[in-house]
Each structure stands twice: as structure tokens, then as C-alpha cells.
């Protein structure tokens, strides 16, 4: 959902990426289909 928080626990890529579409540095998304559900870390542009 490109809310700045991805799903984990294992990363799908490491290092520098040319294309960061649907990629996030942070794991921990509660619902990766809903941009408003980026808790528990409350980061990025979420409200």
C-alpha cells in the first residue's frame, strides 16, 4: 500500500535500489492493503 511501512519479518531486498516502488525500509505494517493502518510505528505521512 506504499504507506512507508512494509510487511515482515524478512526483507525482500538489501542494499541500494534503483526502483523503490512498493518497497519500504521499515517492517511492522498491520494491514498492507490499507495506507491508514501503518501502526504500531506511526511513521511516514500517516495521520
ModelCIF file with pLDDT and N, C-alpha, C, O atoms, coordinates in Angstrom:
data_MODEL
#
_entry.id   MODEL 
#
_entity.id                         1 
_entity.type                       polymer 
_entity.pdbx_number_of_molecules   1 
#
_entity_poly.entity_id                      1 
_entity_poly.type                           'polypeptide(L)' 
_entity_poly.nstd_linkage                   no 
_entity_poly.nstd_monomer                   no 
_entity_poly.pdbx_seq_one_letter_code       
;(UNK)(UNK)(UNK)(UNK)(UNK)(UNK)(UNK)(UNK)(UNK)(UNK)(UNK)(UNK)(UNK)(UNK)(UNK)(UNK)
(UNK)(UNK)(UNK)(UNK)(UNK)(UNK)(UNK)(UNK)(UNK)(UNK)(UNK)(UNK)(UNK)(UNK)(UNK)(UNK)
(UNK)(UNK)(UNK)(UNK)(UNK)(UNK)(UNK)(UNK)(UNK)(UNK)(UNK)(UNK)(UNK)(UNK)(UNK)
;
_entity_poly.pdbx_seq_one_letter_code_can   XXXXXXXXXXXXXXXXXXXXXXXXXXXXXXXXXXXXXXXXXXXXXXX 
_entity_poly.pdbx_strand_id                 A 
#
loop_
_entity_poly_seq.entity_id 
_entity_poly_seq.num 
_entity_poly_seq.mon_id 
_entity_poly_seq.hetero 
1 1  UNK n 
1 2  UNK n 
1 3  UNK n 
1 4  UNK n 
1 5  UNK n 
1 6  UNK n 
1 7  UNK n 
1 8  UNK n 
1 9  UNK n 
1 10 UNK n 
1 11 UNK n 
1 12 UNK n 
1 13 UNK n 
1 14 UNK n 
1 15 UNK n 
1 16 UNK n 
1 17 UNK n 
1 18 UNK n 
1 19 UNK n 
1 20 UNK n 
1 21 UNK n 
1 22 UNK n 
1 23 UNK n 
1 24 UNK n 
1 25 UNK n 
1 26 UNK n 
1 27 UNK n 
1 28 UNK n 
1 29 UNK n 
1 30 UNK n 
1 31 UNK n 
1 32 UNK n 
1 33 UNK n 
1 34 UNK n 
1 35 UNK n 
1 36 UNK n 
1 37 UNK n 
1 38 UNK n 
1 39 UNK n 
1 40 UNK n 
1 41 UNK n 
1 42 UNK n 
1 43 UNK n 
1 44 UNK n 
1 45 UNK n 
1 46 UNK n 
1 47 UNK n 
#
_struct_asym.id          A 
_struct_asym.entity_id   1 
#
loop_
_ma_qa_metric.id 
_ma_qa_metric.mode 
_ma_qa_metric.name 
_ma_qa_metric.software_group_id 
_ma_qa_metric.type 
1 global pLDDT . pLDDT 
2 local  pLDDT . pLDDT 
#
_ma_qa_metric_global.metric_id      1 
_ma_qa_metric_global.metric_value   71.28 
_ma_qa_metric_global.model_id       1 
_ma_qa_metric_global.ordinal_id     1 
#
loop_
_ma_qa_metric_local.label_asym_id 
_ma_qa_metric_local.label_comp_id 
_ma_qa_metric_local.label_seq_id 
_ma_qa_metric_local.metric_id 
_ma_qa_metric_local.metric_value 
_ma_qa_metric_local.model_id 
_ma_qa_metric_local.ordinal_id 
A UNK 1  2 85.00 1 1  
A UNK 2  2 85.00 1 2  
A UNK 3  2 79.00 1 3  
A UNK 4  2 80.00 1 4  
A UNK 5  2 78.00 1 5  
A UNK 6  2 80.00 1 6  
A UNK 7  2 75.00 1 7  
A UNK 8  2 65.00 1 8  
A UNK 9  2 65.00 1 9  
A UNK 10 2 74.00 1 10 
A UNK 11 2 85.00 1 11 
A UNK 12 2 87.00 1 12 
A UNK 13 2 91.00 1 13 
A UNK 14 2 92.00 1 14 
A UNK 15 2 94.00 1 15 
A UNK 16 2 93.00 1 16 
A UNK 17 2 93.00 1 17 
A UNK 18 2 91.00 1 18 
A UNK 19 2 92.00 1 19 
A UNK 20 2 91.00 1 20 
A UNK 21 2 91.00 1 21 
A UNK 22 2 90.00 1 22 
A UNK 23 2 91.00 1 23 
A UNK 24 2 89.00 1 24 
A UNK 25 2 87.00 1 25 
A UNK 26 2 79.00 1 26 
A UNK 27 2 76.00 1 27 
A UNK 28 2 69.00 1 28 
A UNK 29 2 69.00 1 29 
A UNK 30 2 63.00 1 30 
A UNK 31 2 67.00 1 31 
A UNK 32 2 72.00 1 32 
A UNK 33 2 72.00 1 33 
A UNK 34 2 67.00 1 34 
A UNK 35 2 67.00 1 35 
A UNK 36 2 57.00 1 36 
A UNK 37 2 54.00 1 37 
A UNK 38 2 49.00 1 38 
A UNK 39 2 48.00 1 39 
A UNK 40 2 43.00 1 40 
A UNK 41 2 44.00 1 41 
A UNK 42 2 42.00 1 42 
A UNK 43 2 40.00 1 43 
A UNK 44 2 38.00 1 44 
A UNK 45 2 35.00 1 45 
A UNK 46 2 36.00 1 46 
A UNK 47 2 40.00 1 47 
#
loop_
_atom_site.group_PDB 
_atom_site.id 
_atom_site.type_symbol 
_atom_site.label_atom_id 
_atom_site.label_alt_id 
_atom_site.label_comp_id 
_atom_site.label_asym_id 
_atom_site.label_entity_id 
_atom_site.label_seq_id 
_atom_site.pdbx_PDB_ins_code 
_atom_site.Cartn_x 
_atom_site.Cartn_y 
_atom_site.Cartn_z 
_atom_site.occupancy 
_atom_site.B_iso_or_equiv 
_atom_site.pdbx_formal_charge 
_atom_site.auth_seq_id 
_atom_site.auth_comp_id 
_atom_site.auth_asym_id 
_atom_site.auth_atom_id 
_atom_site.pdbx_PDB_model_num 
ATOM 1   N N  . UNK A 1 1  ? 0.809  -1.217  0.000  1.00 85.00 ? 1  UNK A N  1 
ATOM 2   C CA . UNK A 1 1  ? 0.000  0.000   0.000  1.00 85.00 ? 1  UNK A CA 1 
ATOM 3   C C  . UNK A 1 1  ? 0.847  1.275   0.000  1.00 85.00 ? 1  UNK A C  1 
ATOM 4   O O  . UNK A 1 1  ? 0.310  2.382   0.012  1.00 85.00 ? 1  UNK A O  1 
ATOM 5   N N  . UNK A 1 2  ? 2.162  1.114   -0.014 1.00 85.00 ? 2  UNK A N  1 
ATOM 6   C CA . UNK A 1 2  ? 3.102  2.241   -0.114 1.00 85.00 ? 2  UNK A CA 1 
ATOM 7   C C  . UNK A 1 2  ? 2.837  3.317   0.945  1.00 85.00 ? 2  UNK A C  1 
ATOM 8   O O  . UNK A 1 2  ? 2.780  4.512   0.653  1.00 85.00 ? 2  UNK A O  1 
ATOM 9   N N  . UNK A 1 3  ? 2.678  2.839   2.191  1.00 79.00 ? 3  UNK A N  1 
ATOM 10  C CA . UNK A 1 3  ? 2.477  3.783   3.290  1.00 79.00 ? 3  UNK A CA 1 
ATOM 11  C C  . UNK A 1 3  ? 3.766  4.028   4.071  1.00 79.00 ? 3  UNK A C  1 
ATOM 12  O O  . UNK A 1 3  ? 3.751  4.701   5.102  1.00 79.00 ? 3  UNK A O  1 
ATOM 13  N N  . UNK A 1 4  ? 4.883  3.483   3.582  1.00 80.00 ? 4  UNK A N  1 
ATOM 14  C CA . UNK A 1 4  ? 6.171  3.690   4.233  1.00 80.00 ? 4  UNK A CA 1 
ATOM 15  C C  . UNK A 1 4  ? 6.525  2.629   5.246  1.00 80.00 ? 4  UNK A C  1 
ATOM 16  O O  . UNK A 1 4  ? 7.616  2.660   5.816  1.00 80.00 ? 4  UNK A O  1 
ATOM 17  N N  . UNK A 1 5  ? 5.606  1.665   5.489  1.00 78.00 ? 5  UNK A N  1 
ATOM 18  C CA . UNK A 1 5  ? 5.858  0.567   6.412  1.00 78.00 ? 5  UNK A CA 1 
ATOM 19  C C  . UNK A 1 5  ? 5.519  -0.737  5.689  1.00 78.00 ? 5  UNK A C  1 
ATOM 20  O O  . UNK A 1 5  ? 4.398  -0.916  5.212  1.00 78.00 ? 5  UNK A O  1 
ATOM 21  N N  . UNK A 1 6  ? 6.491  -1.643  5.612  1.00 80.00 ? 6  UNK A N  1 
ATOM 22  C CA . UNK A 1 6  ? 6.280  -2.886  4.888  1.00 80.00 ? 6  UNK A CA 1 
ATOM 23  C C  . UNK A 1 6  ? 5.922  -4.035  5.793  1.00 80.00 ? 6  UNK A C  1 
ATOM 24  O O  . UNK A 1 6  ? 5.808  -3.877  7.008  1.00 80.00 ? 6  UNK A O  1 
ATOM 25  N N  . UNK A 1 7  ? 5.743  -5.202  5.187  1.00 75.00 ? 7  UNK A N  1 
ATOM 26  C CA . UNK A 1 7  ? 5.428  -6.404  5.950  1.00 75.00 ? 7  UNK A CA 1 
ATOM 27  C C  . UNK A 1 7  ? 6.709  -7.194  6.155  1.00 75.00 ? 7  UNK A C  1 
ATOM 28  O O  . UNK A 1 7  ? 7.626  -7.122  5.337  1.00 75.00 ? 7  UNK A O  1 
ATOM 29  N N  . UNK A 1 8  ? 6.773  -7.930  7.221  1.00 65.00 ? 8  UNK A N  1 
ATOM 30  C CA . UNK A 1 8  ? 7.984  -8.665  7.576  1.00 65.00 ? 8  UNK A CA 1 
ATOM 31  C C  . UNK A 1 8  ? 7.658  -10.094 7.923  1.00 65.00 ? 8  UNK A C  1 
ATOM 32  O O  . UNK A 1 8  ? 6.581  -10.582 7.582  1.00 65.00 ? 8  UNK A O  1 
ATOM 33  N N  . UNK A 1 9  ? 8.571  -10.779 8.599  1.00 65.00 ? 9  UNK A N  1 
ATOM 34  C CA . UNK A 1 9  ? 9.749  -10.200 9.233  1.00 65.00 ? 9  UNK A CA 1 
ATOM 35  C C  . UNK A 1 9  ? 10.997 -10.168 8.371  1.00 65.00 ? 9  UNK A C  1 
ATOM 36  O O  . UNK A 1 9  ? 11.983 -9.529  8.738  1.00 65.00 ? 9  UNK A O  1 
ATOM 37  N N  . UNK A 1 10 ? 10.974 -10.853 7.217  1.00 74.00 ? 10 UNK A N  1 
ATOM 38  C CA . UNK A 1 10 ? 12.196 -10.965 6.416  1.00 74.00 ? 10 UNK A CA 1 
ATOM 39  C C  . UNK A 1 10 ? 12.210 -9.946  5.281  1.00 74.00 ? 10 UNK A C  1 
ATOM 40  O O  . UNK A 1 10 ? 11.210 -9.794  4.580  1.00 74.00 ? 10 UNK A O  1 
ATOM 41  N N  . UNK A 1 11 ? 13.337 -9.240  5.087  1.00 85.00 ? 11 UNK A N  1 
ATOM 42  C CA . UNK A 1 11 ? 13.424 -8.298  3.964  1.00 85.00 ? 11 UNK A CA 1 
ATOM 43  C C  . UNK A 1 11 ? 13.441 -9.042  2.634  1.00 85.00 ? 11 UNK A C  1 
ATOM 44  O O  . UNK A 1 11 ? 13.862 -10.196 2.552  1.00 85.00 ? 11 UNK A O  1 
ATOM 45  N N  . UNK A 1 12 ? 12.972 -8.350  1.593  1.00 87.00 ? 12 UNK A N  1 
ATOM 46  C CA . UNK A 1 12 ? 12.978 -8.962  0.262  1.00 87.00 ? 12 UNK A CA 1 
ATOM 47  C C  . UNK A 1 12 ? 14.104 -8.410  -0.597 1.00 87.00 ? 12 UNK A C  1 
ATOM 48  O O  . UNK A 1 12 ? 14.323 -8.883  -1.712 1.00 87.00 ? 12 UNK A O  1 
ATOM 49  N N  . UNK A 1 13 ? 14.818 -7.414  -0.088 1.00 91.00 ? 13 UNK A N  1 
ATOM 50  C CA . UNK A 1 13 ? 15.954 -6.858  -0.820 1.00 91.00 ? 13 UNK A CA 1 
ATOM 51  C C  . UNK A 1 13 ? 16.875 -6.154  0.165  1.00 91.00 ? 13 UNK A C  1 
ATOM 52  O O  . UNK A 1 13 ? 16.447 -5.741  1.243  1.00 91.00 ? 13 UNK A O  1 
ATOM 53  N N  . UNK A 1 14 ? 18.133 -6.020  -0.208 1.00 92.00 ? 14 UNK A N  1 
ATOM 54  C CA . UNK A 1 14 ? 19.104 -5.309  0.609  1.00 92.00 ? 14 UNK A CA 1 
ATOM 55  C C  . UNK A 1 14 ? 19.925 -4.373  -0.263 1.00 92.00 ? 14 UNK A C  1 
ATOM 56  O O  . UNK A 1 14 ? 19.977 -4.520  -1.484 1.00 92.00 ? 14 UNK A O  1 
ATOM 57  N N  . UNK A 1 15 ? 20.564 -3.410  0.388  1.00 94.00 ? 15 UNK A N  1 
ATOM 58  C CA . UNK A 1 15 ? 21.451 -2.501  -0.339 1.00 94.00 ? 15 UNK A CA 1 
ATOM 59  C C  . UNK A 1 15 ? 20.711 -1.377  -1.031 1.00 94.00 ? 15 UNK A C  1 
ATOM 60  O O  . UNK A 1 15 ? 19.609 -1.004  -0.630 1.00 94.00 ? 15 UNK A O  1 
ATOM 61  N N  . UNK A 1 16 ? 21.324 -0.841  -2.074 1.00 93.00 ? 16 UNK A N  1 
ATOM 62  C CA . UNK A 1 16 ? 20.770 0.304   -2.802 1.00 93.00 ? 16 UNK A CA 1 
ATOM 63  C C  . UNK A 1 16 ? 19.837 -0.170  -3.915 1.00 93.00 ? 16 UNK A C  1 
ATOM 64  O O  . UNK A 1 16 ? 20.167 -1.095  -4.657 1.00 93.00 ? 16 UNK A O  1 
ATOM 65  N N  . UNK A 1 17 ? 18.678 0.466   -4.027 1.00 93.00 ? 17 UNK A N  1 
ATOM 66  C CA . UNK A 1 17 ? 17.700 0.105   -5.048 1.00 93.00 ? 17 UNK A CA 1 
ATOM 67  C C  . UNK A 1 17 ? 17.495 1.253   -6.026 1.00 93.00 ? 17 UNK A C  1 
ATOM 68  O O  . UNK A 1 17 ? 17.403 2.413   -5.626 1.00 93.00 ? 17 UNK A O  1 
ATOM 69  N N  . UNK A 1 18 ? 17.425 0.923   -7.297 1.00 91.00 ? 18 UNK A N  1 
ATOM 70  C CA . UNK A 1 18 ? 17.103 1.928   -8.309 1.00 91.00 ? 18 UNK A CA 1 
ATOM 71  C C  . UNK A 1 18 ? 15.610 2.211   -8.293 1.00 91.00 ? 18 UNK A C  1 
ATOM 72  O O  . UNK A 1 18 ? 15.193 3.363   -8.420 1.00 91.00 ? 18 UNK A O  1 
ATOM 73  N N  . UNK A 1 19 ? 14.806 1.169   -8.138 1.00 92.00 ? 19 UNK A N  1 
ATOM 74  C CA . UNK A 1 19 ? 13.347 1.297   -8.117 1.00 92.00 ? 19 UNK A CA 1 
ATOM 75  C C  . UNK A 1 19 ? 12.846 0.920   -6.728 1.00 92.00 ? 19 UNK A C  1 
ATOM 76  O O  . UNK A 1 19 ? 12.971 -0.235  -6.321 1.00 92.00 ? 19 UNK A O  1 
ATOM 77  N N  . UNK A 1 20 ? 12.288 1.866   -6.004 1.00 91.00 ? 20 UNK A N  1 
ATOM 78  C CA . UNK A 1 20 ? 11.779 1.592   -4.653 1.00 91.00 ? 20 UNK A CA 1 
ATOM 79  C C  . UNK A 1 20 ? 10.261 1.477   -4.620 1.00 91.00 ? 20 UNK A C  1 
ATOM 80  O O  . UNK A 1 20 ? 9.656  1.600   -3.554 1.00 91.00 ? 20 UNK A O  1 
ATOM 81  N N  . UNK A 1 21 ? 9.632  1.242   -5.780 1.00 91.00 ? 21 UNK A N  1 
ATOM 82  C CA . UNK A 1 21 ? 8.186  1.058   -5.822 1.00 91.00 ? 21 UNK A CA 1 
ATOM 83  C C  . UNK A 1 21 ? 7.783  -0.147  -4.973 1.00 91.00 ? 21 UNK A C  1 
ATOM 84  O O  . UNK A 1 21 ? 8.332  -1.239  -5.119 1.00 91.00 ? 21 UNK A O  1 
ATOM 85  N N  . UNK A 1 22 ? 6.824  0.071   -4.094 1.00 90.00 ? 22 UNK A N  1 
ATOM 86  C CA . UNK A 1 22 ? 6.319  -0.968  -3.197 1.00 90.00 ? 22 UNK A CA 1 
ATOM 87  C C  . UNK A 1 22 ? 7.433  -1.569  -2.345 1.00 90.00 ? 22 UNK A C  1 
ATOM 88  O O  . UNK A 1 22 ? 7.447  -2.766  -2.055 1.00 90.00 ? 22 UNK A O  1 
ATOM 89  N N  . UNK A 1 23 ? 8.357  -0.710  -1.956 1.00 91.00 ? 23 UNK A N  1 
ATOM 90  C CA . UNK A 1 23 ? 9.433  -1.108  -1.065 1.00 91.00 ? 23 UNK A CA 1 
ATOM 91  C C  . UNK A 1 23 ? 9.489  -0.121  0.095  1.00 91.00 ? 23 UNK A C  1 
ATOM 92  O O  . UNK A 1 23 ? 9.315  1.079   -0.113 1.00 91.00 ? 23 UNK A O  1 
ATOM 93  N N  . UNK A 1 24 ? 9.729  -0.601  1.304  1.00 89.00 ? 24 UNK A N  1 
ATOM 94  C CA . UNK A 1 24 ? 9.832  0.254   2.483  1.00 89.00 ? 24 UNK A CA 1 
ATOM 95  C C  . UNK A 1 24 ? 11.002 -0.222  3.330  1.00 89.00 ? 24 UNK A C  1 
ATOM 96  O O  . UNK A 1 24 ? 11.323 -1.410  3.356  1.00 89.00 ? 24 UNK A O  1 
ATOM 97  N N  . UNK A 1 25 ? 11.635 0.719   4.022  1.00 87.00 ? 25 UNK A N  1 
ATOM 98  C CA . UNK A 1 25 ? 12.754 0.374   4.894  1.00 87.00 ? 25 UNK A CA 1 
ATOM 99  C C  . UNK A 1 25 ? 12.288 -0.221  6.214  1.00 87.00 ? 25 UNK A C  1 
ATOM 100 O O  . UNK A 1 25 ? 13.056 -0.916  6.879  1.00 87.00 ? 25 UNK A O  1 
ATOM 101 N N  . UNK A 1 26 ? 11.047 0.036   6.603  1.00 79.00 ? 26 UNK A N  1 
ATOM 102 C CA . UNK A 1 26 ? 10.563 -0.385  7.911  1.00 79.00 ? 26 UNK A CA 1 
ATOM 103 C C  . UNK A 1 26 ? 9.597  -1.557  7.795  1.00 79.00 ? 26 UNK A C  1 
ATOM 104 O O  . UNK A 1 26 ? 8.725  -1.544  6.926  1.00 79.00 ? 26 UNK A O  1 
ATOM 105 N N  . UNK A 1 27 ? 9.731  -2.577  8.654  1.00 76.00 ? 27 UNK A N  1 
ATOM 106 C CA . UNK A 1 27 ? 8.704  -3.618  8.736  1.00 76.00 ? 27 UNK A CA 1 
ATOM 107 C C  . UNK A 1 27 ? 7.700  -3.248  9.814  1.00 76.00 ? 27 UNK A C  1 
ATOM 108 O O  . UNK A 1 27 ? 7.893  -2.275  10.542 1.00 76.00 ? 27 UNK A O  1 
ATOM 109 N N  . UNK A 1 28 ? 6.631  -4.022  9.914  1.00 69.00 ? 28 UNK A N  1 
ATOM 110 C CA . UNK A 1 28 ? 5.696  -3.837  11.025 1.00 69.00 ? 28 UNK A CA 1 
ATOM 111 C C  . UNK A 1 28 ? 4.322  -3.349  10.634 1.00 69.00 ? 28 UNK A C  1 
ATOM 112 O O  . UNK A 1 28 ? 3.550  -2.966  11.512 1.00 69.00 ? 28 UNK A O  1 
ATOM 113 N N  . UNK A 1 29 ? 3.970  -3.345  9.327  1.00 69.00 ? 29 UNK A N  1 
ATOM 114 C CA . UNK A 1 29 ? 2.644  -2.877  8.931  1.00 69.00 ? 29 UNK A CA 1 
ATOM 115 C C  . UNK A 1 29 ? 1.574  -3.829  9.453  1.00 69.00 ? 29 UNK A C  1 
ATOM 116 O O  . UNK A 1 29 ? 1.725  -5.049  9.387  1.00 69.00 ? 29 UNK A O  1 
ATOM 117 N N  . UNK A 1 30 ? 0.487  -3.253  9.975  1.00 63.00 ? 30 UNK A N  1 
ATOM 118 C CA . UNK A 1 30 ? -0.619 -4.084  10.473 1.00 63.00 ? 30 UNK A CA 1 
ATOM 119 C C  . UNK A 1 30 ? -1.518 -4.561  9.336  1.00 63.00 ? 30 UNK A C  1 
ATOM 120 O O  . UNK A 1 30 ? -2.045 -5.673  9.380  1.00 63.00 ? 30 UNK A O  1 
ATOM 121 N N  . UNK A 1 31 ? -1.691 -3.716  8.314  1.00 67.00 ? 31 UNK A N  1 
ATOM 122 C CA . UNK A 1 31 ? -2.548 -4.050  7.182  1.00 67.00 ? 31 UNK A CA 1 
ATOM 123 C C  . UNK A 1 31 ? -1.907 -3.455  5.933  1.00 67.00 ? 31 UNK A C  1 
ATOM 124 O O  . UNK A 1 31 ? -1.996 -2.250  5.697  1.00 67.00 ? 31 UNK A O  1 
ATOM 125 N N  . UNK A 1 32 ? -1.261 -4.302  5.134  1.00 72.00 ? 32 UNK A N  1 
ATOM 126 C CA . UNK A 1 32 ? -0.514 -3.796  3.979  1.00 72.00 ? 32 UNK A CA 1 
ATOM 127 C C  . UNK A 1 32 ? -1.415 -3.504  2.787  1.00 72.00 ? 32 UNK A C  1 
ATOM 128 O O  . UNK A 1 32 ? -0.932 -3.214  1.692  1.00 72.00 ? 32 UNK A O  1 
ATOM 129 N N  . UNK A 1 33 ? -2.726 -3.582  3.002  1.00 72.00 ? 33 UNK A N  1 
ATOM 130 C CA . UNK A 1 33 ? -3.667 -3.185  1.959  1.00 72.00 ? 33 UNK A CA 1 
ATOM 131 C C  . UNK A 1 33 ? -4.320 -1.849  2.297  1.00 72.00 ? 33 UNK A C  1 
ATOM 132 O O  . UNK A 1 33 ? -5.136 -1.346  1.524  1.00 72.00 ? 33 UNK A O  1 
ATOM 133 N N  . UNK A 1 34 ? -3.969 -1.272  3.444  1.00 67.00 ? 34 UNK A N  1 
ATOM 134 C CA . UNK A 1 34 ? -4.592 -0.028  3.885  1.00 67.00 ? 34 UNK A CA 1 
ATOM 135 C C  . UNK A 1 34 ? -3.524 0.972   4.306  1.00 67.00 ? 34 UNK A C  1 
ATOM 136 O O  . UNK A 1 34 ? -2.831 0.750   5.299  1.00 67.00 ? 34 UNK A O  1 
ATOM 137 N N  . UNK A 1 35 ? -3.377 2.077   3.563  1.00 67.00 ? 35 UNK A N  1 
ATOM 138 C CA . UNK A 1 35 ? -2.347 3.070   3.914  1.00 67.00 ? 35 UNK A CA 1 
ATOM 139 C C  . UNK A 1 35 ? -2.545 3.704   5.277  1.00 67.00 ? 35 UNK A C  1 
ATOM 140 O O  . UNK A 1 35 ? -1.591 4.219   5.861  1.00 67.00 ? 35 UNK A O  1 
ATOM 141 N N  . UNK A 1 36 ? -3.778 3.675   5.801  1.00 57.00 ? 36 UNK A N  1 
ATOM 142 C CA . UNK A 1 36 ? -4.026 4.308   7.098  1.00 57.00 ? 36 UNK A CA 1 
ATOM 143 C C  . UNK A 1 36 ? -3.667 3.403   8.267  1.00 57.00 ? 36 UNK A C  1 
ATOM 144 O O  . UNK A 1 36 ? -3.672 3.846   9.416  1.00 57.00 ? 36 UNK A O  1 
ATOM 145 N N  . UNK A 1 37 ? -3.354 2.129   7.987  1.00 54.00 ? 37 UNK A N  1 
ATOM 146 C CA . UNK A 1 37 ? -3.033 1.186   9.064  1.00 54.00 ? 37 UNK A CA 1 
ATOM 147 C C  . UNK A 1 37 ? -1.532 0.924   9.089  1.00 54.00 ? 37 UNK A C  1 
ATOM 148 O O  . UNK A 1 37 ? -1.085 -0.196  8.842  1.00 54.00 ? 37 UNK A O  1 
ATOM 149 N N  . UNK A 1 38 ? -0.759 1.964   9.390  1.00 49.00 ? 38 UNK A N  1 
ATOM 150 C CA . UNK A 1 38 ? 0.696  1.827   9.425  1.00 49.00 ? 38 UNK A CA 1 
ATOM 151 C C  . UNK A 1 38 ? 1.224  1.641   10.837 1.00 49.00 ? 38 UNK A C  1 
ATOM 152 O O  . UNK A 1 38 ? 2.437  1.626   11.040 1.00 49.00 ? 38 UNK A O  1 
ATOM 153 N N  . UNK A 1 39 ? 0.336  1.499   11.819 1.00 48.00 ? 39 UNK A N  1 
ATOM 154 C CA . UNK A 1 39 ? 0.787  1.262   13.185 1.00 48.00 ? 39 UNK A CA 1 
ATOM 155 C C  . UNK A 1 39 ? 1.530  -0.082  13.245 1.00 48.00 ? 39 UNK A C  1 
ATOM 156 O O  . UNK A 1 39 ? 1.353  -0.884  12.327 1.00 48.00 ? 39 UNK A O  1 
ATOM 157 N N  . UNK A 1 40 ? 2.344  -0.377  14.259 1.00 43.00 ? 40 UNK A N  1 
ATOM 158 C CA . UNK A 1 40 ? 2.444  0.363   15.509 1.00 43.00 ? 40 UNK A CA 1 
ATOM 159 C C  . UNK A 1 40 ? 3.513  1.442   15.543 1.00 43.00 ? 40 UNK A C  1 
ATOM 160 O O  . UNK A 1 40 ? 3.790  1.980   16.616 1.00 43.00 ? 40 UNK A O  1 
ATOM 161 N N  . UNK A 1 41 ? 4.118  1.778   14.426 1.00 44.00 ? 41 UNK A N  1 
ATOM 162 C CA . UNK A 1 41 ? 5.257  2.682   14.494 1.00 44.00 ? 41 UNK A CA 1 
ATOM 163 C C  . UNK A 1 41 ? 4.917  4.124   14.149 1.00 44.00 ? 41 UNK A C  1 
ATOM 164 O O  . UNK A 1 41 ? 5.698  5.023   14.460 1.00 44.00 ? 41 UNK A O  1 
ATOM 165 N N  . UNK A 1 42 ? 3.778  4.370   13.518 1.00 42.00 ? 42 UNK A N  1 
ATOM 166 C CA . UNK A 1 42 ? 3.298  5.735   13.352 1.00 42.00 ? 42 UNK A CA 1 
ATOM 167 C C  . UNK A 1 42 ? 4.329  6.607   12.652 1.00 42.00 ? 42 UNK A C  1 
ATOM 168 O O  . UNK A 1 42 ? 4.666  7.685   13.141 1.00 42.00 ? 42 UNK A O  1 
ATOM 169 N N  . UNK A 1 43 ? 4.839  6.144   11.497 1.00 40.00 ? 43 UNK A N  1 
ATOM 170 C CA . UNK A 1 43 ? 5.886  6.883   10.807 1.00 40.00 ? 43 UNK A CA 1 
ATOM 171 C C  . UNK A 1 43 ? 5.404  7.322   9.429  1.00 40.00 ? 43 UNK A C  1 
ATOM 172 O O  . UNK A 1 43 ? 4.276  7.036   9.030  1.00 40.00 ? 43 UNK A O  1 
ATOM 173 N N  . UNK A 1 44 ? 6.275  8.018   8.715  1.00 38.00 ? 44 UNK A N  1 
ATOM 174 C CA . UNK A 1 44 ? 5.945  8.460   7.371  1.00 38.00 ? 44 UNK A CA 1 
ATOM 175 C C  . UNK A 1 44 ? 4.914  9.560   7.396  1.00 38.00 ? 44 UNK A C  1 
ATOM 176 O O  . UNK A 1 44 ? 4.970  10.444  8.251  1.00 38.00 ? 44 UNK A O  1 
ATOM 177 N N  . UNK A 1 45 ? 3.965  9.520   6.465  1.00 35.00 ? 45 UNK A N  1 
ATOM 178 C CA . UNK A 1 45 ? 2.956  10.571  6.357  1.00 35.00 ? 45 UNK A CA 1 
ATOM 179 C C  . UNK A 1 45 ? 1.610  10.138  6.914  1.00 35.00 ? 45 UNK A C  1 
ATOM 180 O O  . UNK A 1 45 ? 0.594  10.770  6.623  1.00 35.00 ? 45 UNK A O  1 
ATOM 181 N N  . UNK A 1 46 ? 1.579  9.074   7.706  1.00 36.00 ? 46 UNK A N  1 
ATOM 182 C CA . UNK A 1 46 ? 0.316  8.622   8.266  1.00 36.00 ? 46 UNK A CA 1 
ATOM 183 C C  . UNK A 1 46 ? -0.255 9.626   9.247  1.00 36.00 ? 46 UNK A C  1 
ATOM 184 O O  . UNK A 1 46 ? 0.482  10.431  9.815  1.00 36.00 ? 46 UNK A O  1 
ATOM 185 N N  . UNK A 1 47 ? -1.556 9.583   9.448  1.00 40.00 ? 47 UNK A N  1 
ATOM 186 C CA . UNK A 1 47 ? -2.225 10.527  10.341 1.00 40.00 ? 47 UNK A CA 1 
ATOM 187 C C  . UNK A 1 47 ? -2.353 9.902   11.722 1.00 40.00 ? 47 UNK A C  1 
ATOM 188 O O  . UNK A 1 47 ? -2.890 10.529  12.635 1.00 40.00 ? 47 UNK A O  1 
#
